[in-house]
N, C-alpha and C. Protein backbone atom coordinates (compact mmCIF):
# COMPACT_ATOMS: atom_id res chain seq x y z
N MET A 1 0.82 -1.19 0.00
CA MET A 1 0.00 0.00 0.00
C MET A 1 0.86 1.25 0.00
N THR A 2 0.42 2.18 -0.77
CA THR A 2 1.14 3.45 -0.77
C THR A 2 0.36 4.45 0.05
N GLU A 3 1.08 5.30 0.70
CA GLU A 3 0.47 6.32 1.54
C GLU A 3 0.11 7.53 0.68
N ALA A 4 -1.04 8.12 0.96
CA ALA A 4 -1.47 9.30 0.21
C ALA A 4 -0.53 10.46 0.49
N VAL A 5 -0.18 11.17 -0.54
CA VAL A 5 0.72 12.30 -0.40
C VAL A 5 -0.12 13.56 -0.34
N ARG A 6 0.15 14.37 0.64
CA ARG A 6 -0.56 15.63 0.80
C ARG A 6 0.00 16.64 -0.18
N GLN A 7 -0.87 17.19 -1.00
CA GLN A 7 -0.42 18.15 -1.99
C GLN A 7 -0.43 19.57 -1.45
N ASN A 8 -1.31 19.87 -0.52
CA ASN A 8 -1.38 21.20 0.08
C ASN A 8 -0.86 21.13 1.49
N PRO A 9 -0.21 22.19 1.96
CA PRO A 9 0.23 22.19 3.36
C PRO A 9 -0.99 22.25 4.28
N PRO A 10 -0.84 21.82 5.52
CA PRO A 10 -1.96 21.91 6.45
C PRO A 10 -2.41 23.35 6.60
N ARG A 11 -3.69 23.54 6.90
CA ARG A 11 -4.25 24.90 6.97
C ARG A 11 -3.54 25.74 8.01
N HIS A 12 -3.15 25.13 9.15
CA HIS A 12 -2.53 25.93 10.20
C HIS A 12 -1.13 26.40 9.80
N VAL A 13 -0.56 25.81 8.76
CA VAL A 13 0.77 26.19 8.31
C VAL A 13 0.70 27.32 7.29
N SER A 14 -0.34 27.30 6.45
CA SER A 14 -0.41 28.29 5.38
C SER A 14 -0.73 29.67 5.95
N ALA A 15 -0.17 30.68 5.32
CA ALA A 15 -0.40 32.06 5.76
C ALA A 15 -1.59 32.63 5.00
N ARG A 16 -2.19 33.69 5.53
CA ARG A 16 -3.33 34.31 4.85
C ARG A 16 -2.93 34.85 3.49
N GLY A 17 -1.74 35.35 3.38
CA GLY A 17 -1.31 35.89 2.10
C GLY A 17 -1.33 34.83 1.02
N SER A 18 -0.86 33.64 1.31
CA SER A 18 -0.87 32.59 0.32
C SER A 18 -2.29 32.12 0.04
N ALA A 19 -3.18 32.19 1.05
CA ALA A 19 -4.58 31.83 0.84
C ALA A 19 -5.22 32.83 -0.10
N LYS A 20 -4.89 34.11 0.04
CA LYS A 20 -5.44 35.13 -0.86
C LYS A 20 -4.90 34.92 -2.27
N ALA A 21 -3.63 34.54 -2.38
CA ALA A 21 -3.07 34.29 -3.70
C ALA A 21 -3.77 33.11 -4.35
N ALA A 22 -4.04 32.08 -3.57
CA ALA A 22 -4.74 30.91 -4.10
C ALA A 22 -6.17 31.29 -4.46
N ALA A 23 -6.78 32.19 -3.69
CA ALA A 23 -8.14 32.62 -3.98
C ALA A 23 -8.19 33.41 -5.28
N GLY A 24 -7.15 34.15 -5.58
CA GLY A 24 -7.11 34.90 -6.82
C GLY A 24 -7.06 33.98 -8.03
N ALA A 25 -6.42 32.82 -7.88
CA ALA A 25 -6.32 31.88 -8.96
C ALA A 25 -7.63 31.13 -9.18
N ASP A 26 -8.37 30.87 -8.11
CA ASP A 26 -9.61 30.10 -8.19
C ASP A 26 -10.71 30.83 -7.43
N PRO A 27 -11.68 31.42 -8.12
CA PRO A 27 -12.73 32.19 -7.43
C PRO A 27 -13.54 31.35 -6.45
N GLN A 28 -13.75 30.07 -6.74
CA GLN A 28 -14.50 29.21 -5.83
C GLN A 28 -13.75 29.01 -4.53
N ALA A 29 -12.43 28.94 -4.59
CA ALA A 29 -11.62 28.80 -3.38
C ALA A 29 -11.76 30.06 -2.53
N GLY A 30 -11.82 31.21 -3.17
CA GLY A 30 -11.99 32.47 -2.44
C GLY A 30 -13.33 32.52 -1.75
N ASP A 31 -14.38 32.04 -2.43
CA ASP A 31 -15.70 31.99 -1.82
C ASP A 31 -15.72 31.06 -0.63
N ALA A 32 -15.03 29.92 -0.76
CA ALA A 32 -14.98 28.95 0.33
C ALA A 32 -14.24 29.53 1.53
N ILE A 33 -13.17 30.25 1.25
CA ILE A 33 -12.39 30.86 2.34
C ILE A 33 -13.23 31.94 3.03
N ASP A 34 -13.93 32.75 2.23
CA ASP A 34 -14.79 33.79 2.81
C ASP A 34 -15.89 33.17 3.67
N ALA A 35 -16.48 32.08 3.18
CA ALA A 35 -17.53 31.41 3.95
C ALA A 35 -16.98 30.85 5.25
N GLU A 36 -15.78 30.32 5.18
CA GLU A 36 -15.15 29.78 6.39
C GLU A 36 -14.83 30.89 7.39
N ARG A 37 -14.38 32.02 6.89
CA ARG A 37 -14.10 33.16 7.78
C ARG A 37 -15.38 33.68 8.42
N GLU A 38 -16.46 33.75 7.63
CA GLU A 38 -17.74 34.20 8.19
C GLU A 38 -18.24 33.23 9.26
N ALA A 39 -18.09 31.93 9.00
CA ALA A 39 -18.51 30.93 9.99
C ALA A 39 -17.68 31.06 11.26
N PHE A 40 -16.38 31.30 11.09
CA PHE A 40 -15.52 31.47 12.26
C PHE A 40 -15.91 32.71 13.04
N ASP A 41 -16.15 33.82 12.34
CA ASP A 41 -16.56 35.06 13.01
C ASP A 41 -17.88 34.87 13.75
N PHE A 42 -18.81 34.12 13.14
CA PHE A 42 -20.09 33.86 13.78
C PHE A 42 -19.90 33.04 15.05
N ARG A 43 -19.07 31.98 14.97
CA ARG A 43 -18.81 31.15 16.16
C ARG A 43 -18.13 31.97 17.25
N LEU A 44 -17.22 32.83 16.87
CA LEU A 44 -16.52 33.67 17.84
C LEU A 44 -17.47 34.66 18.50
N ALA A 45 -18.35 35.26 17.72
CA ALA A 45 -19.34 36.20 18.27
C ALA A 45 -20.32 35.46 19.18
N GLU A 46 -20.71 34.25 18.78
CA GLU A 46 -21.62 33.47 19.62
C GLU A 46 -20.97 33.09 20.95
N ARG A 47 -19.70 32.71 20.89
CA ARG A 47 -18.97 32.36 22.11
C ARG A 47 -18.83 33.58 23.02
N ALA A 48 -18.55 34.73 22.44
CA ALA A 48 -18.42 35.96 23.23
C ALA A 48 -19.75 36.28 23.91
N GLU A 49 -20.85 36.11 23.19
CA GLU A 49 -22.17 36.39 23.77
C GLU A 49 -22.47 35.41 24.91
N LEU A 50 -22.11 34.14 24.73
CA LEU A 50 -22.33 33.16 25.80
C LEU A 50 -21.49 33.49 27.04
N LEU A 51 -20.27 33.96 26.81
CA LEU A 51 -19.42 34.34 27.94
C LEU A 51 -19.99 35.56 28.65
N ARG A 52 -20.50 36.55 27.90
CA ARG A 52 -21.12 37.73 28.52
C ARG A 52 -22.34 37.30 29.35
N GLU A 53 -23.13 36.41 28.79
CA GLU A 53 -24.31 35.92 29.51
C GLU A 53 -23.91 35.18 30.77
N SER A 54 -22.89 34.36 30.67
CA SER A 54 -22.40 33.62 31.83
C SER A 54 -21.89 34.58 32.90
N ASN A 55 -21.18 35.62 32.49
CA ASN A 55 -20.68 36.60 33.46
C ASN A 55 -21.82 37.35 34.13
N ALA A 56 -22.84 37.70 33.36
CA ALA A 56 -23.99 38.40 33.93
C ALA A 56 -24.71 37.50 34.95
N MET A 57 -24.86 36.24 34.61
CA MET A 57 -25.53 35.31 35.54
C MET A 57 -24.69 35.12 36.81
N ARG A 58 -23.37 35.06 36.65
CA ARG A 58 -22.49 34.92 37.82
C ARG A 58 -22.59 36.15 38.71
N ASP A 59 -22.63 37.34 38.09
CA ASP A 59 -22.75 38.57 38.86
C ASP A 59 -24.08 38.62 39.62
N MET A 60 -25.16 38.16 38.95
CA MET A 60 -26.47 38.12 39.62
C MET A 60 -26.44 37.14 40.79
N MET A 61 -25.79 35.99 40.60
CA MET A 61 -25.70 34.99 41.66
C MET A 61 -24.92 35.56 42.86
N LEU A 62 -23.82 36.25 42.58
CA LEU A 62 -23.03 36.83 43.67
C LEU A 62 -23.81 37.91 44.41
N ALA A 63 -24.57 38.71 43.67
CA ALA A 63 -25.39 39.73 44.31
C ALA A 63 -26.46 39.09 45.20
N GLN A 64 -27.07 38.00 44.72
CA GLN A 64 -28.08 37.30 45.51
C GLN A 64 -27.46 36.68 46.76
N LEU A 65 -26.28 36.09 46.61
CA LEU A 65 -25.60 35.51 47.79
C LEU A 65 -25.26 36.58 48.81
N LYS A 66 -24.83 37.75 48.32
CA LYS A 66 -24.51 38.85 49.21
C LYS A 66 -25.77 39.30 49.96
N ALA A 67 -26.89 39.40 49.24
CA ALA A 67 -28.16 39.81 49.87
C ALA A 67 -28.61 38.76 50.88
N ASP A 68 -28.47 37.48 50.53
CA ASP A 68 -28.83 36.40 51.45
C ASP A 68 -27.98 36.44 52.72
N ASP A 69 -26.70 36.74 52.53
CA ASP A 69 -25.79 36.82 53.67
C ASP A 69 -26.18 37.97 54.60
N GLU A 70 -26.53 39.11 54.01
CA GLU A 70 -26.97 40.25 54.82
C GLU A 70 -28.26 39.92 55.57
N ALA A 71 -29.19 39.26 54.90
CA ALA A 71 -30.45 38.88 55.56
C ALA A 71 -30.19 37.92 56.71
N LEU A 72 -29.27 36.97 56.50
CA LEU A 72 -28.94 36.02 57.56
C LEU A 72 -28.29 36.73 58.74
N LYS A 73 -27.41 37.68 58.47
CA LYS A 73 -26.77 38.43 59.55
C LYS A 73 -27.80 39.20 60.37
N LYS A 74 -28.78 39.83 59.68
CA LYS A 74 -29.82 40.56 60.38
C LYS A 74 -30.71 39.61 61.21
N TYR A 75 -30.98 38.44 60.66
CA TYR A 75 -31.80 37.44 61.39
C TYR A 75 -31.04 36.97 62.64
N ILE A 76 -29.75 36.72 62.50
CA ILE A 76 -28.96 36.28 63.66
C ILE A 76 -28.90 37.39 64.70
N ALA A 77 -28.80 38.65 64.26
CA ALA A 77 -28.74 39.77 65.20
C ALA A 77 -30.04 39.91 65.99
N MET A 78 -31.17 39.51 65.39
CA MET A 78 -32.46 39.59 66.08
C MET A 78 -32.57 38.56 67.21
N ILE A 79 -31.82 37.49 67.12
CA ILE A 79 -31.93 36.42 68.12
C ILE A 79 -31.24 36.77 69.39
C-alpha cells in the first residue's frame, strides 16, 4: 500500500497571504475561504455572547448571595 501524499500544506501552516493568492487563482476557493471566515466570526461572536451571559448570571448569583448573607446576619442579630 502506498500512503497518500498531501499536496497542500496543512491549513494551520499556510499564511493568509498565500490563501489570498490561491483565492485569486480560483474564485471558488476564495468563496470557500470567505464562507469559512464568516462561519468562524459567527462562532466567535456566539462564544463571546455566551461568555457575557455567563458573566452576567455569575454577577447576579453573587449579588443574591450577598443579599442572602446580609439577611442572615440581620436574622442572627435579632436572636
